[in-house]
Amino acid sequence: MSDGIRVAAVDDVAPGEALVLATDLTGTTEPISLFRDDDGTYYALDDTCSHEDASLAEGWIEAGEVECPLHATRFCLKDGVPQCLPATKPVATHKVELRGDEVYLHPGVPATA
């Protein structure tokens, strides 16, 4: 397993906000979004909704979920599973690690790993 990629300082993402991480930073083919829940916990999901081509980072973040701005499907930030229709497929999660005041991402490593 890699040591991860530094993607942000802890204060770069306010609670209830998200930051889209460019593919040239993550080394992935699709953008990944870094979310900070209301309680300050960080999560990373593939940025594109599994139902339609919409950026989840533009959605609403609350109570451990992000709501897609296009059709209002809510995805669990912990496991990427949709909580309601119209989406039926989960989005991929990525492991996030805090090291002091810095946030590291492990692209391709599920959050549960």
N, C-alpha and C. Protein backbone atom coordinates (compact mmCIF):
# COMPACT_ATOMS: atom_id res chain seq x y z
N MET A 1 0.85 -1.18 0.00
CA MET A 1 0.00 0.00 0.00
C MET A 1 0.89 1.24 0.00
N SER A 2 0.42 2.26 -0.69
CA SER A 2 1.20 3.48 -0.78
C SER A 2 1.08 4.29 0.51
N ASP A 3 1.91 5.31 0.59
CA ASP A 3 1.88 6.21 1.74
C ASP A 3 0.79 7.27 1.60
N GLY A 4 0.10 7.27 0.48
CA GLY A 4 -0.94 8.26 0.25
C GLY A 4 -0.38 9.52 -0.40
N ILE A 5 -1.30 10.39 -0.77
CA ILE A 5 -0.98 11.65 -1.44
C ILE A 5 -1.53 12.78 -0.58
N ARG A 6 -0.69 13.76 -0.28
CA ARG A 6 -1.18 14.93 0.46
C ARG A 6 -2.08 15.71 -0.49
N VAL A 7 -3.34 15.92 -0.08
CA VAL A 7 -4.30 16.59 -0.95
C VAL A 7 -4.82 17.91 -0.40
N ALA A 8 -4.63 18.14 0.90
CA ALA A 8 -5.15 19.38 1.49
C ALA A 8 -4.60 19.55 2.89
N ALA A 9 -4.72 20.77 3.38
CA ALA A 9 -4.54 21.03 4.81
C ALA A 9 -5.92 20.88 5.44
N VAL A 10 -6.00 20.57 6.73
CA VAL A 10 -7.29 20.34 7.36
C VAL A 10 -8.22 21.55 7.25
N ASP A 11 -7.69 22.74 7.20
CA ASP A 11 -8.52 23.94 7.12
C ASP A 11 -8.91 24.32 5.70
N ASP A 12 -8.44 23.56 4.69
CA ASP A 12 -8.79 23.86 3.30
C ASP A 12 -10.25 23.54 2.99
N VAL A 13 -10.85 22.65 3.77
CA VAL A 13 -12.25 22.26 3.55
C VAL A 13 -13.02 22.53 4.84
N ALA A 14 -13.97 23.43 4.77
CA ALA A 14 -14.79 23.76 5.94
C ALA A 14 -15.81 22.65 6.19
N PRO A 15 -16.27 22.49 7.43
CA PRO A 15 -17.32 21.50 7.70
C PRO A 15 -18.54 21.76 6.81
N GLY A 16 -19.08 20.68 6.23
CA GLY A 16 -20.22 20.79 5.34
C GLY A 16 -19.87 21.18 3.92
N GLU A 17 -18.58 21.15 3.58
CA GLU A 17 -18.11 21.53 2.25
C GLU A 17 -17.33 20.39 1.61
N ALA A 18 -16.98 20.57 0.33
CA ALA A 18 -16.22 19.56 -0.42
C ALA A 18 -15.20 20.24 -1.32
N LEU A 19 -14.21 19.48 -1.72
CA LEU A 19 -13.15 19.96 -2.59
C LEU A 19 -12.94 18.91 -3.67
N VAL A 20 -13.05 19.30 -4.94
CA VAL A 20 -12.79 18.36 -6.04
C VAL A 20 -11.28 18.27 -6.23
N LEU A 21 -10.78 17.04 -6.25
CA LEU A 21 -9.36 16.80 -6.43
C LEU A 21 -9.11 16.42 -7.89
N ALA A 22 -8.24 17.16 -8.54
CA ALA A 22 -7.97 16.95 -9.95
C ALA A 22 -7.31 15.59 -10.21
N THR A 23 -7.58 15.06 -11.37
CA THR A 23 -7.03 13.74 -11.72
C THR A 23 -5.51 13.76 -11.81
N ASP A 24 -4.92 14.89 -12.17
CA ASP A 24 -3.46 14.93 -12.23
C ASP A 24 -2.83 14.87 -10.82
N LEU A 25 -3.59 15.24 -9.81
CA LEU A 25 -3.13 15.12 -8.42
C LEU A 25 -3.31 13.69 -7.91
N THR A 26 -4.48 13.10 -8.20
CA THR A 26 -4.81 11.78 -7.64
C THR A 26 -4.27 10.62 -8.47
N GLY A 27 -3.97 10.88 -9.76
CA GLY A 27 -3.52 9.80 -10.63
C GLY A 27 -4.64 8.90 -11.09
N THR A 28 -5.88 9.34 -10.92
CA THR A 28 -7.04 8.55 -11.33
C THR A 28 -7.60 9.09 -12.64
N THR A 29 -8.48 8.32 -13.26
CA THR A 29 -9.08 8.76 -14.52
C THR A 29 -10.31 9.64 -14.29
N GLU A 30 -10.91 9.54 -13.12
CA GLU A 30 -12.09 10.33 -12.77
C GLU A 30 -11.78 11.17 -11.53
N PRO A 31 -12.37 12.35 -11.42
CA PRO A 31 -12.13 13.18 -10.24
C PRO A 31 -12.65 12.51 -8.96
N ILE A 32 -11.99 12.82 -7.88
CA ILE A 32 -12.39 12.37 -6.54
C ILE A 32 -12.69 13.63 -5.74
N SER A 33 -13.71 13.57 -4.91
CA SER A 33 -14.02 14.71 -4.05
C SER A 33 -13.71 14.37 -2.61
N LEU A 34 -13.13 15.35 -1.94
CA LEU A 34 -12.85 15.26 -0.51
C LEU A 34 -13.97 16.01 0.21
N PHE A 35 -14.69 15.31 1.08
CA PHE A 35 -15.81 15.88 1.82
C PHE A 35 -15.43 16.02 3.29
N ARG A 36 -15.94 17.07 3.91
CA ARG A 36 -15.80 17.22 5.36
C ARG A 36 -17.22 17.33 5.92
N ASP A 37 -17.62 16.33 6.67
CA ASP A 37 -18.96 16.29 7.23
C ASP A 37 -19.11 17.37 8.30
N ASP A 38 -20.35 17.60 8.70
CA ASP A 38 -20.65 18.61 9.72
C ASP A 38 -19.87 18.40 11.01
N ASP A 39 -19.57 17.14 11.32
CA ASP A 39 -18.84 16.84 12.56
C ASP A 39 -17.33 16.94 12.39
N GLY A 40 -16.87 17.30 11.18
CA GLY A 40 -15.44 17.47 10.93
C GLY A 40 -14.74 16.25 10.36
N THR A 41 -15.46 15.14 10.17
CA THR A 41 -14.87 13.92 9.62
C THR A 41 -14.68 14.08 8.11
N TYR A 42 -13.54 13.59 7.61
CA TYR A 42 -13.22 13.67 6.19
C TYR A 42 -13.56 12.35 5.50
N TYR A 43 -14.07 12.46 4.27
CA TYR A 43 -14.39 11.31 3.44
C TYR A 43 -13.98 11.63 2.01
N ALA A 44 -13.74 10.60 1.20
CA ALA A 44 -13.46 10.79 -0.22
C ALA A 44 -14.30 9.81 -1.03
N LEU A 45 -14.97 10.35 -2.03
CA LEU A 45 -15.80 9.56 -2.95
C LEU A 45 -15.46 9.95 -4.37
N ASP A 46 -15.72 9.04 -5.32
CA ASP A 46 -15.69 9.45 -6.71
C ASP A 46 -16.64 10.63 -6.84
N ASP A 47 -16.26 11.64 -7.60
CA ASP A 47 -17.04 12.87 -7.65
C ASP A 47 -18.31 12.75 -8.48
N THR A 48 -18.35 11.85 -9.44
CA THR A 48 -19.49 11.78 -10.35
C THR A 48 -20.58 10.87 -9.82
N CYS A 49 -21.80 11.38 -9.77
CA CYS A 49 -22.97 10.61 -9.34
C CYS A 49 -23.10 9.36 -10.22
N SER A 50 -23.50 8.25 -9.63
CA SER A 50 -23.63 7.01 -10.39
C SER A 50 -24.91 6.96 -11.22
N HIS A 51 -25.80 7.94 -11.06
CA HIS A 51 -27.05 7.98 -11.82
C HIS A 51 -26.94 8.88 -13.05
N GLU A 52 -26.42 10.05 -12.89
CA GLU A 52 -26.27 11.02 -13.96
C GLU A 52 -24.92 11.71 -13.81
N ASP A 53 -24.51 12.42 -14.84
CA ASP A 53 -23.21 13.09 -14.84
C ASP A 53 -23.31 14.40 -14.06
N ALA A 54 -23.22 14.30 -12.74
CA ALA A 54 -23.27 15.48 -11.88
C ALA A 54 -22.17 15.38 -10.84
N SER A 55 -21.60 16.52 -10.47
CA SER A 55 -20.55 16.57 -9.47
C SER A 55 -21.14 16.50 -8.07
N LEU A 56 -20.78 15.47 -7.32
CA LEU A 56 -21.28 15.35 -5.95
C LEU A 56 -20.74 16.46 -5.06
N ALA A 57 -19.58 17.00 -5.40
CA ALA A 57 -19.01 18.10 -4.61
C ALA A 57 -19.91 19.33 -4.63
N GLU A 58 -20.79 19.44 -5.62
CA GLU A 58 -21.71 20.56 -5.71
C GLU A 58 -22.99 20.30 -4.93
N GLY A 59 -23.08 19.12 -4.30
CA GLY A 59 -24.28 18.76 -3.55
C GLY A 59 -24.27 19.27 -2.13
N TRP A 60 -25.28 18.85 -1.37
CA TRP A 60 -25.44 19.27 0.02
C TRP A 60 -24.94 18.17 0.93
N ILE A 61 -24.15 18.55 1.92
CA ILE A 61 -23.52 17.61 2.83
C ILE A 61 -24.14 17.80 4.20
N GLU A 62 -24.68 16.70 4.72
CA GLU A 62 -25.33 16.79 6.03
C GLU A 62 -25.50 15.39 6.60
N ALA A 63 -25.22 15.26 7.88
CA ALA A 63 -25.48 14.03 8.64
C ALA A 63 -24.91 12.78 7.98
N GLY A 64 -23.68 12.87 7.50
CA GLY A 64 -23.02 11.69 6.94
C GLY A 64 -23.42 11.34 5.53
N GLU A 65 -24.10 12.26 4.83
CA GLU A 65 -24.54 12.01 3.46
C GLU A 65 -24.26 13.23 2.59
N VAL A 66 -24.15 12.96 1.28
CA VAL A 66 -24.09 14.04 0.30
C VAL A 66 -25.26 13.82 -0.65
N GLU A 67 -25.98 14.90 -0.94
CA GLU A 67 -27.12 14.85 -1.84
C GLU A 67 -26.71 15.35 -3.21
N CYS A 68 -26.94 14.52 -4.22
CA CYS A 68 -26.61 14.90 -5.59
C CYS A 68 -27.41 16.15 -5.98
N PRO A 69 -26.76 17.15 -6.57
CA PRO A 69 -27.46 18.38 -6.92
C PRO A 69 -28.42 18.22 -8.10
N LEU A 70 -28.33 17.13 -8.84
CA LEU A 70 -29.15 16.97 -10.03
C LEU A 70 -30.50 16.31 -9.74
N HIS A 71 -30.48 15.15 -9.08
CA HIS A 71 -31.73 14.43 -8.84
C HIS A 71 -31.96 14.06 -7.39
N ALA A 72 -31.18 14.61 -6.49
CA ALA A 72 -31.40 14.50 -5.04
C ALA A 72 -31.15 13.12 -4.43
N THR A 73 -30.47 12.22 -5.14
CA THR A 73 -30.07 10.98 -4.48
C THR A 73 -29.07 11.33 -3.39
N ARG A 74 -29.22 10.72 -2.24
CA ARG A 74 -28.28 10.91 -1.14
C ARG A 74 -27.36 9.70 -1.07
N PHE A 75 -26.06 9.96 -0.98
CA PHE A 75 -25.05 8.90 -0.87
C PHE A 75 -24.42 8.96 0.52
N CYS A 76 -24.25 7.79 1.12
CA CYS A 76 -23.57 7.70 2.40
C CYS A 76 -22.09 8.03 2.19
N LEU A 77 -21.56 8.95 2.98
CA LEU A 77 -20.15 9.32 2.84
C LEU A 77 -19.22 8.20 3.28
N LYS A 78 -19.65 7.33 4.17
CA LYS A 78 -18.79 6.24 4.67
C LYS A 78 -18.58 5.15 3.63
N ASP A 79 -19.67 4.76 2.92
CA ASP A 79 -19.55 3.61 2.04
C ASP A 79 -19.99 3.87 0.60
N GLY A 80 -20.45 5.07 0.28
CA GLY A 80 -20.83 5.43 -1.08
C GLY A 80 -22.16 4.86 -1.55
N VAL A 81 -22.90 4.19 -0.68
CA VAL A 81 -24.16 3.55 -1.05
C VAL A 81 -25.28 4.59 -1.15
N PRO A 82 -26.06 4.54 -2.26
CA PRO A 82 -27.19 5.46 -2.36
C PRO A 82 -28.25 5.14 -1.31
N GLN A 83 -28.82 6.18 -0.73
CA GLN A 83 -29.80 6.03 0.33
C GLN A 83 -31.23 6.14 -0.19
N CYS A 84 -31.38 6.53 -1.46
CA CYS A 84 -32.71 6.67 -2.06
C CYS A 84 -32.54 6.68 -3.57
N LEU A 85 -33.66 6.57 -4.27
CA LEU A 85 -33.67 6.63 -5.73
C LEU A 85 -33.50 8.08 -6.17
N PRO A 86 -33.06 8.34 -7.39
CA PRO A 86 -33.03 7.42 -8.51
C PRO A 86 -31.75 6.59 -8.64
N ALA A 87 -30.67 6.94 -7.98
CA ALA A 87 -29.44 6.14 -8.10
C ALA A 87 -29.61 4.80 -7.42
N THR A 88 -29.03 3.77 -8.02
CA THR A 88 -29.07 2.43 -7.43
C THR A 88 -27.69 1.84 -7.25
N LYS A 89 -26.68 2.45 -7.87
CA LYS A 89 -25.31 1.96 -7.77
C LYS A 89 -24.50 2.86 -6.84
N PRO A 90 -23.66 2.24 -6.00
CA PRO A 90 -22.82 3.07 -5.13
C PRO A 90 -21.71 3.76 -5.92
N VAL A 91 -21.13 4.77 -5.32
CA VAL A 91 -19.93 5.40 -5.85
C VAL A 91 -18.76 4.91 -5.01
N ALA A 92 -17.60 4.85 -5.62
CA ALA A 92 -16.42 4.33 -4.93
C ALA A 92 -15.95 5.27 -3.82
N THR A 93 -15.51 4.68 -2.73
CA THR A 93 -14.89 5.43 -1.64
C THR A 93 -13.38 5.30 -1.74
N HIS A 94 -12.67 6.20 -1.10
CA HIS A 94 -11.21 6.18 -1.06
C HIS A 94 -10.78 6.49 0.36
N LYS A 95 -9.78 5.81 0.81
CA LYS A 95 -9.29 5.98 2.18
C LYS A 95 -8.70 7.38 2.36
N VAL A 96 -9.08 8.02 3.47
CA VAL A 96 -8.57 9.33 3.85
C VAL A 96 -7.87 9.18 5.19
N GLU A 97 -6.75 9.84 5.32
CA GLU A 97 -5.96 9.76 6.56
C GLU A 97 -5.53 11.16 6.96
N LEU A 98 -5.70 11.49 8.23
CA LEU A 98 -5.22 12.76 8.76
C LEU A 98 -3.85 12.53 9.39
N ARG A 99 -2.92 13.39 9.05
CA ARG A 99 -1.59 13.38 9.66
C ARG A 99 -1.31 14.79 10.14
N GLY A 100 -1.55 14.99 11.40
CA GLY A 100 -1.39 16.34 11.95
C GLY A 100 -2.40 17.28 11.31
N ASP A 101 -1.90 18.32 10.66
CA ASP A 101 -2.77 19.31 10.01
C ASP A 101 -2.94 19.05 8.52
N GLU A 102 -2.59 17.85 8.06
CA GLU A 102 -2.66 17.55 6.63
C GLU A 102 -3.57 16.37 6.36
N VAL A 103 -4.20 16.40 5.18
CA VAL A 103 -5.12 15.34 4.76
C VAL A 103 -4.45 14.56 3.63
N TYR A 104 -4.39 13.24 3.79
CA TYR A 104 -3.80 12.36 2.78
C TYR A 104 -4.89 11.47 2.21
N LEU A 105 -4.79 11.22 0.91
CA LEU A 105 -5.71 10.36 0.19
C LEU A 105 -4.97 9.13 -0.32
N HIS A 106 -5.66 7.99 -0.24
CA HIS A 106 -5.15 6.73 -0.80
C HIS A 106 -6.09 6.35 -1.94
N PRO A 107 -5.87 6.90 -3.15
CA PRO A 107 -6.77 6.63 -4.28
C PRO A 107 -6.84 5.14 -4.58
N GLY A 108 -8.06 4.66 -4.80
CA GLY A 108 -8.25 3.26 -5.14
C GLY A 108 -8.30 2.32 -3.96
N VAL A 109 -7.99 2.82 -2.76
CA VAL A 109 -8.07 2.00 -1.54
C VAL A 109 -9.41 2.34 -0.89
N PRO A 110 -10.33 1.37 -0.81
CA PRO A 110 -11.63 1.66 -0.21
C PRO A 110 -11.51 2.23 1.20
N ALA A 111 -12.43 3.07 1.57
CA ALA A 111 -12.40 3.71 2.89
C ALA A 111 -12.41 2.71 4.02
N THR A 112 -12.97 1.53 3.80
CA THR A 112 -13.05 0.52 4.84
C THR A 112 -11.79 -0.30 4.98
N ALA A 113 -10.83 -0.10 4.06
CA ALA A 113 -9.58 -0.89 4.10
C ALA A 113 -8.66 -0.44 5.22
